[in-house]
Structure formats: C-alpha cells, structure tokens
C-alpha cells in the first residue's frame, strides 16, 4: 500500500484512470466558445468591470432558480468556526464582479453542496476542462466534523458557473462524482487539501477554463495573483475579486495578502502567463496576515491532468 499523500481517490473508484506519464510544466487555458475575454493590466491583475457587455445570445437561458438563503461555508463543516478559515486583512479590497457572463468570470462557479447528512453548504470551484472543476478537498470530502453521518464524500454539488445572485447565465448542473487524495481524505492534512468535481456535461466548453501549472519558487514570488469566488459575507451568489502579489511560498503552499471570506474555499489562485490565466494554487485557508492555498506542485499537477482527461 502506498504512503504517498497525493494518491488519488474517488467516490466513484471505477472512474479513476491509471497514472499519467510525465507532463509538461503547465496545461493551457481555454476562453470558451463565445465572446471576448476581459482584459488584464500590465502587472498581471484583472481589469475588473472595465467592459460591460451583454451575455452572448446563444448562452443557455436560466432553467433553475439559484438559492437565496444564507448558507455556511463548507470549511466550517471540517474546521469549525470560520474566524481563521479565510479572512479580510484591514480594509476590504474585494470588488464585486458584475459581468459574470464574460471570461474569466464565467469559469468560476458558485457551489451548493449537500453533505451526506443532507446539510447544505457553499463553496467555489473553477473549470480546468470541459467537464472538470478544481476545488478544495474539504469541498468534496468532509473531515472531522464531529456530527454523526456528516463526514466523508458529500452527496452532491450543484455547480453554477458565472452565477450573479439569482441569475444563472449558464444554468446549473448537479455532480455526484468527486476526486481528492489520501493526504486529505485519510489524514485531513491541509497541505493536501485539493480535489475535483466531475460534471456529467461539457459545460466547460462553453464557459472556458483556466490553465494550471507548477512553477518554481522564484517565478511565483515575483508574480501577481488573482482570486475570485463566492464569499458568504456578501449577498448570496455574488462573485467578488481581489488581487495582489504573492507574499511567500513553501514546498506545499502559497501565501498572499488577498482578501477572502468563507465560501471562497476552492477558488483558483491564478496568475497571468503569456496572456493566459493559470492556476498556481487552490485557495483554502486564512491567517493573521496572509491567506493561503494548496500549491500546485508536480504531483498536484499530474492529478489534475488525470482528473480533467
């Protein structure tokens, strides 16, 4: 039996593929099949709400009404009170995204998570392929909740790309197929807190997706990074963005002074590289002066490639 904490696991074991061969350092993004991407600044941060455009005519109309109740962050299920899960440091610099039907905002998804005990929670995911979203491990697998019947793989997740309050420009799709690694599901180790959601449609081909990559420390330390997601301290289902430089890194995590709040668990921590958006970490935790995400190392990269295949 392997002791590698990056060993992949699934609630649908028969769907796990064999290990992938050695991969390039990064996988490229896609801007989807419709519309133009939102521009970004010369220092690698998003130009927020700089261009207001209507949704493309061929985008599916809303067919499912988004929930309006205020629900707790999925991180609370595994970690308890939310004070240190994801935090705002000083003045709140987050900006609401109003053009969520445009790329890259539509590649972020609001998640409505139903746990094994039928309790409901919120989180965030981001497309990495036509039918796959990356997210935090604790979004798909609850650990150490202390509540009978709650721990383990969640029952289902409703994925709402580009959600803007009660408006769902791309509708919603329900997933019951999830991935993570033993470092999270067996040990609950925050250094391995990452996973994936597999949806039964190719919706990501419409929304577009982010690339992702494993870069050396020196590259990350000189990078500006961006986070956008669905925090629970703002009106339900609204998307909020913030960006700033990387503060520090270690072999398994990336740290940044970017404001977030509970509900953004699973958000992409992404950089602009050669004109494309690339995830470099999965946002999951807070701290007194910096928040942090699970770093995309070569092992994480290989699992994400396998899960998006």
Protein backbone atom coordinates (compact mmCIF):
# COMPACT_ATOMS: atom_id res chain seq x y z
CA UNK A 1 0.00 0.00 0.00
CA UNK A 2 1.40 3.41 -0.97
CA UNK A 3 2.20 6.10 1.59
CA UNK A 4 2.14 8.89 -1.00
CA UNK A 5 -0.36 11.52 0.28
CA UNK A 6 -1.03 12.55 -3.34
CA UNK A 7 -2.51 9.12 -4.12
CA UNK A 8 -5.81 9.92 -5.88
CA UNK A 9 -9.14 8.68 -4.53
CA UNK A 10 -12.71 8.97 -5.77
CA UNK A 11 -16.25 8.34 -4.59
CA UNK A 12 -16.55 6.57 -7.98
CA UNK A 13 -13.43 4.32 -7.84
CA UNK A 14 -14.10 2.68 -11.17
CA UNK A 15 -13.70 6.08 -12.83
CA UNK A 16 -10.08 6.57 -11.70
CA UNK A 17 -7.68 6.29 -14.61
CA UNK A 18 -4.19 4.84 -14.42
CA UNK A 19 -1.34 7.18 -13.56
CA UNK A 20 -0.42 9.65 -16.28
CA UNK A 21 3.08 9.82 -17.75
CA UNK A 22 5.36 12.79 -17.13
CA UNK A 23 3.64 16.01 -18.19
CA UNK A 24 4.73 19.48 -19.28
CA UNK A 25 5.02 22.07 -16.53
CA UNK A 26 1.65 23.58 -17.36
CA UNK A 27 -1.65 22.94 -19.14
CA UNK A 28 -3.17 25.76 -21.18
CA UNK A 29 -6.47 27.56 -20.63
CA UNK A 30 -9.47 27.98 -22.92
CA UNK A 31 -11.63 31.09 -23.18
CA UNK A 32 -14.70 29.09 -24.19
CA UNK A 33 -16.70 29.27 -27.37
CA UNK A 34 -18.32 32.70 -27.06
CA UNK A 35 -17.38 36.30 -26.52
CA UNK A 36 -14.09 38.06 -25.77
CA UNK A 37 -12.10 37.80 -22.56
CA UNK A 38 -11.96 40.62 -20.02
CA UNK A 39 -8.62 42.48 -20.34
CA UNK A 40 -5.95 42.46 -17.66
CA UNK A 41 -3.42 45.05 -16.54
CA UNK A 42 0.29 45.12 -17.29
CA UNK A 43 1.12 43.94 -13.76
CA UNK A 44 -0.93 40.75 -14.13
CA UNK A 45 -4.12 41.75 -12.30
CA UNK A 46 -7.61 41.60 -13.77
CA UNK A 47 -9.26 44.75 -15.17
CA UNK A 48 -12.45 44.46 -13.17
CA UNK A 49 -15.73 45.59 -14.72
CA UNK A 50 -13.81 47.59 -17.30
CA UNK A 51 -16.04 46.42 -20.13
CA UNK A 52 -19.74 45.82 -19.62
CA UNK A 53 -21.19 43.57 -22.31
CA UNK A 54 -24.41 41.63 -22.55
CA UNK A 55 -24.30 37.83 -22.44
CA UNK A 56 -23.94 36.14 -25.85
CA UNK A 57 -27.29 35.33 -27.40
CA UNK A 58 -26.53 31.62 -27.64
CA UNK A 59 -25.84 31.21 -23.91
CA UNK A 60 -28.43 28.85 -22.35
CA UNK A 61 -31.22 30.67 -20.54
CA UNK A 62 -31.71 30.22 -16.83
CA UNK A 63 -33.56 26.99 -16.15
CA UNK A 64 -33.00 26.59 -12.40
CA UNK A 65 -33.51 29.22 -9.73
CA UNK A 66 -30.49 29.90 -7.57
CA UNK A 67 -30.90 29.57 -3.79
CA UNK A 68 -31.24 32.84 -1.90
CA UNK A 69 -30.79 31.57 1.67
CA UNK A 70 -27.61 32.45 3.54
CA UNK A 71 -25.74 29.16 3.95
CA UNK A 72 -22.50 28.41 5.83
CA UNK A 73 -19.07 27.97 4.26
CA UNK A 74 -18.19 24.31 3.62
CA UNK A 75 -14.95 24.88 5.55
CA UNK A 76 -16.95 25.13 8.77
CA UNK A 77 -18.06 21.52 8.30
CA UNK A 78 -14.47 20.27 8.68
CA UNK A 79 -12.82 23.00 10.71
CA UNK A 80 -15.48 24.54 12.94
CA UNK A 81 -15.96 28.31 13.48
CA UNK A 82 -14.86 30.32 10.45
CA UNK A 83 -12.70 33.03 12.00
CA UNK A 84 -9.39 31.75 10.63
CA UNK A 85 -10.55 29.89 7.54
CA UNK A 86 -10.43 32.79 5.12
CA UNK A 87 -10.00 36.38 6.21
CA UNK A 88 -10.05 40.06 5.29
CA UNK A 89 -6.93 41.94 6.44
CA UNK A 90 -7.53 45.61 7.18
CA UNK A 91 -9.75 47.44 4.66
CA UNK A 92 -11.80 45.10 2.48
CA UNK A 93 -10.35 45.45 -1.04
CA UNK A 94 -12.70 43.00 -2.75
CA UNK A 95 -14.64 44.25 -5.78
CA UNK A 96 -17.92 42.76 -6.97
CA UNK A 97 -17.90 41.26 -10.46
CA UNK A 98 -20.93 42.42 -12.43
CA UNK A 99 -20.05 40.97 -15.85
CA UNK A 100 -20.04 37.33 -14.74
CA UNK A 101 -21.14 36.02 -18.15
CA UNK A 102 -17.74 37.03 -19.60
CA UNK A 103 -14.46 35.11 -19.40
CA UNK A 104 -12.67 34.68 -16.98
CA UNK A 105 -15.50 35.28 -14.52
CA UNK A 106 -17.76 32.60 -16.04
CA UNK A 107 -15.06 29.97 -15.43
CA UNK A 108 -15.65 30.40 -11.67
CA UNK A 109 -18.63 28.52 -10.24
CA UNK A 110 -20.78 29.01 -7.17
CA UNK A 111 -21.27 25.65 -5.43
CA UNK A 112 -24.28 24.44 -3.43
CA UNK A 113 -23.00 21.41 -1.53
CA UNK A 114 -25.25 18.78 0.06
CA UNK A 115 -23.40 16.68 2.62
CA UNK A 116 -24.09 13.05 3.49
CA UNK A 117 -26.41 14.15 6.33
CA UNK A 118 -28.33 16.47 3.92
CA UNK A 119 -26.93 19.65 5.48
CA UNK A 120 -26.16 22.32 2.86
CA UNK A 121 -23.09 24.49 2.41
CA UNK A 122 -21.45 26.87 -0.05
CA UNK A 123 -18.08 26.86 -1.80
CA UNK A 124 -16.33 27.80 -5.04
CA UNK A 125 -14.83 25.82 -7.91
CA UNK A 126 -13.12 26.66 -11.21
CA UNK A 127 -13.15 24.90 -14.55
CA UNK A 128 -9.95 23.18 -15.66
CA UNK A 129 -11.57 21.34 -18.58
CA UNK A 130 -14.91 20.75 -20.31
CA UNK A 131 -16.31 18.57 -17.52
CA UNK A 132 -13.94 19.12 -14.57
CA UNK A 133 -13.65 21.78 -11.85
CA UNK A 134 -10.78 22.05 -9.39
CA UNK A 135 -11.68 22.89 -5.80
CA UNK A 136 -10.54 22.28 -2.23
CA UNK A 137 -10.50 18.77 -0.83
CA UNK A 138 -12.75 19.85 2.03
CA UNK A 139 -15.39 20.91 -0.51
CA UNK A 140 -15.88 17.33 -1.73
CA UNK A 141 -14.91 15.36 1.39
CA UNK A 142 -15.82 16.47 4.93
CA UNK A 143 -13.32 15.51 7.62
CA UNK A 144 -13.62 15.50 11.44
CA UNK A 145 -16.95 17.35 11.63
CA UNK A 146 -17.98 15.63 14.85
CA UNK A 147 -21.53 15.39 13.52
CA UNK A 148 -22.91 11.85 13.08
CA UNK A 149 -23.43 10.95 9.43
CA UNK A 150 -21.76 14.07 8.03
CA UNK A 151 -18.14 13.04 7.39
CA UNK A 152 -16.94 11.59 4.10
CA UNK A 153 -17.82 12.27 0.48
CA UNK A 154 -20.55 14.84 0.03
CA UNK A 155 -23.82 13.64 -1.52
CA UNK A 156 -23.98 16.07 -4.44
CA UNK A 157 -22.89 19.51 -5.59
CA UNK A 158 -24.88 21.91 -7.75
CA UNK A 159 -22.43 23.80 -9.98
CA UNK A 160 -23.49 27.30 -11.09
CA UNK A 161 -20.90 28.90 -13.42
CA UNK A 162 -20.82 32.69 -13.57
CA UNK A 163 -23.63 32.99 -11.05
CA UNK A 164 -24.68 36.55 -10.26
CA UNK A 165 -27.12 36.48 -7.36
CA UNK A 166 -30.32 34.84 -8.59
CA UNK A 167 -29.17 34.97 -12.23
CA UNK A 168 -27.61 31.86 -13.73
CA UNK A 169 -26.32 32.78 -17.21
CA UNK A 170 -25.21 29.18 -17.84
CA UNK A 171 -27.81 27.35 -15.79
CA UNK A 172 -26.79 24.75 -13.22
CA UNK A 173 -25.60 21.15 -13.33
CA UNK A 174 -25.51 18.61 -10.48
CA UNK A 175 -22.49 16.41 -9.85
CA UNK A 176 -22.19 13.23 -7.82
CA UNK A 177 -18.63 12.35 -8.90
CA UNK A 178 -15.70 13.69 -6.89
CA UNK A 179 -11.93 13.33 -6.52
CA UNK A 180 -9.34 14.07 -3.84
CA UNK A 181 -6.17 12.49 -2.41
CA UNK A 182 -5.41 10.34 0.60
CA UNK A 183 -3.43 13.14 2.24
CA UNK A 184 -6.78 14.85 2.72
CA UNK A 185 -9.35 12.02 2.91
CA UNK A 186 -7.27 9.83 5.26
CA UNK A 187 -5.20 12.38 7.17
CA UNK A 188 -7.04 15.70 6.90
CA UNK A 189 -3.68 17.36 6.18
CA UNK A 190 -4.16 20.92 4.90
CA UNK A 191 -1.06 20.58 2.74
CA UNK A 192 -3.03 18.15 0.53
CA UNK A 193 -6.40 19.91 0.61
CA UNK A 194 -7.38 19.76 -3.04
CA UNK A 195 -9.90 17.89 -5.15
CA UNK A 196 -12.10 17.95 -8.22
CA UNK A 197 -15.74 17.87 -9.30
CA UNK A 198 -16.67 15.92 -12.43
CA UNK A 199 -19.88 17.10 -14.11
CA UNK A 200 -21.98 14.97 -16.50
CA UNK A 201 -21.97 17.61 -19.28
CA UNK A 202 -19.41 19.55 -21.34
CA UNK A 203 -20.46 22.91 -19.89
CA UNK A 204 -16.83 23.96 -19.50
CA UNK A 205 -16.51 24.07 -23.29
CA UNK A 206 -18.94 26.99 -23.21
CA UNK A 207 -17.63 28.81 -20.14
CA UNK A 208 -13.96 28.19 -20.88
CA UNK A 209 -11.46 27.08 -18.27
CA UNK A 210 -8.20 28.02 -16.58
CA UNK A 211 -4.85 26.50 -17.26
CA UNK A 212 -2.76 25.40 -14.29
CA UNK A 213 0.90 24.81 -13.68
CA UNK A 214 3.76 24.04 -11.32
CA UNK A 215 6.25 26.90 -11.27
CA UNK A 216 9.49 27.33 -9.28
CA UNK A 217 9.57 29.47 -6.13
CA UNK A 218 11.36 32.34 -7.88
CA UNK A 219 8.65 32.61 -10.56
CA UNK A 220 5.82 32.60 -8.03
CA UNK A 221 7.46 35.12 -5.70
CA UNK A 222 7.59 37.73 -8.48
CA UNK A 223 4.01 37.05 -9.61
CA UNK A 224 0.79 38.94 -9.02
CA UNK A 225 -2.08 36.55 -8.36
CA UNK A 226 -5.86 36.83 -8.56
CA UNK A 227 -8.74 35.27 -6.62
CA UNK A 228 -12.43 35.48 -7.49
CA UNK A 229 -15.22 33.50 -5.86
CA UNK A 230 -18.43 33.39 -3.90
CA UNK A 231 -17.95 34.61 -0.29
CA UNK A 232 -20.68 34.08 2.28
CA UNK A 233 -20.34 37.53 3.82
CA UNK A 234 -21.67 39.21 0.66
CA UNK A 235 -25.16 38.98 -0.91
CA UNK A 236 -25.86 35.30 -1.73
CA UNK A 237 -24.40 34.12 -5.02
CA UNK A 238 -22.46 37.28 -5.88
CA UNK A 239 -18.91 36.99 -7.18
CA UNK A 240 -16.09 39.04 -5.64
CA UNK A 241 -12.49 39.61 -6.77
CA UNK A 242 -9.19 40.74 -5.27
CA UNK A 243 -5.58 40.50 -6.41
CA UNK A 244 -2.06 41.21 -5.15
CA UNK A 245 1.47 39.85 -5.22
CA UNK A 246 2.49 36.53 -3.69
CA UNK A 247 3.80 37.06 -0.15
CA UNK A 248 5.67 33.78 0.33
CA UNK A 249 5.74 30.13 -0.65
CA UNK A 250 6.77 26.84 0.84
CA UNK A 251 7.01 23.45 -0.88
CA UNK A 252 3.28 22.75 -0.49
CA UNK A 253 1.51 26.11 -0.03
CA UNK A 254 1.30 29.64 -1.44
CA UNK A 255 0.65 32.67 0.81
CA UNK A 256 -0.86 36.03 -0.21
CA UNK A 257 -2.43 39.11 1.38
CA UNK A 258 -5.60 38.89 -0.73
CA UNK A 259 -8.94 39.45 0.99
CA UNK A 260 -11.33 36.49 1.02
CA UNK A 261 -14.14 35.16 3.19
CA UNK A 262 -15.84 31.86 3.94
CA UNK A 263 -17.49 30.49 0.81
CA UNK A 264 -14.41 31.07 -1.33
CA UNK A 265 -12.94 27.72 -0.33
CA UNK A 266 -11.82 26.07 -3.55
CA UNK A 267 -11.26 29.26 -5.55
CA UNK A 268 -8.47 29.48 -8.11
CA UNK A 269 -5.34 31.35 -7.09
CA UNK A 270 -4.21 32.25 -10.59
CA UNK A 271 -1.60 34.26 -12.46
CA UNK A 272 -1.46 35.79 -15.92
CA UNK A 273 1.20 33.99 -18.01
CA UNK A 274 1.78 34.71 -21.70
CA UNK A 275 -1.72 36.17 -21.95
CA UNK A 276 -3.50 33.21 -20.33
CA UNK A 277 -4.91 32.54 -16.87
CA UNK A 278 -3.15 29.73 -14.98
CA UNK A 279 -3.99 28.39 -11.52
CA UNK A 280 -0.97 28.13 -9.23
CA UNK A 281 -2.84 27.11 -6.03
CA UNK A 282 -6.27 26.21 -4.66
CA UNK A 283 -7.46 28.72 -2.08
CA UNK A 284 -8.42 27.15 1.25
CA UNK A 285 -7.12 28.85 4.41
CA UNK A 286 -6.72 32.12 6.29
CA UNK A 287 -4.21 33.60 8.69
CA UNK A 288 -3.45 36.67 10.77
CA UNK A 289 -1.58 38.47 7.99
CA UNK A 290 -1.93 36.25 4.90
CA UNK A 291 -4.35 33.74 3.42
CA UNK A 292 -3.11 30.61 1.70
CA UNK A 293 -3.83 27.91 -0.83
CA UNK A 294 -2.66 24.40 -1.63
CA UNK A 295 0.20 24.84 -4.08
CA UNK A 296 0.07 23.16 -7.48
CA UNK A 297 3.22 21.06 -7.34
CA UNK A 298 4.16 18.50 -9.98
CA UNK A 299 2.20 15.83 -8.04
CA UNK A 300 -0.88 18.04 -7.83
CA UNK A 301 -0.46 18.93 -11.49
CA UNK A 302 -0.38 15.27 -12.53
CA UNK A 303 -3.57 14.51 -10.61
CA UNK A 304 -5.39 17.50 -12.12
CA UNK A 305 -4.35 16.37 -15.61
CA UNK A 306 -5.70 12.89 -14.86
CA UNK A 307 -8.97 14.23 -13.48
CA UNK A 308 -9.63 16.51 -16.46
CA UNK A 309 -8.98 13.75 -19.04
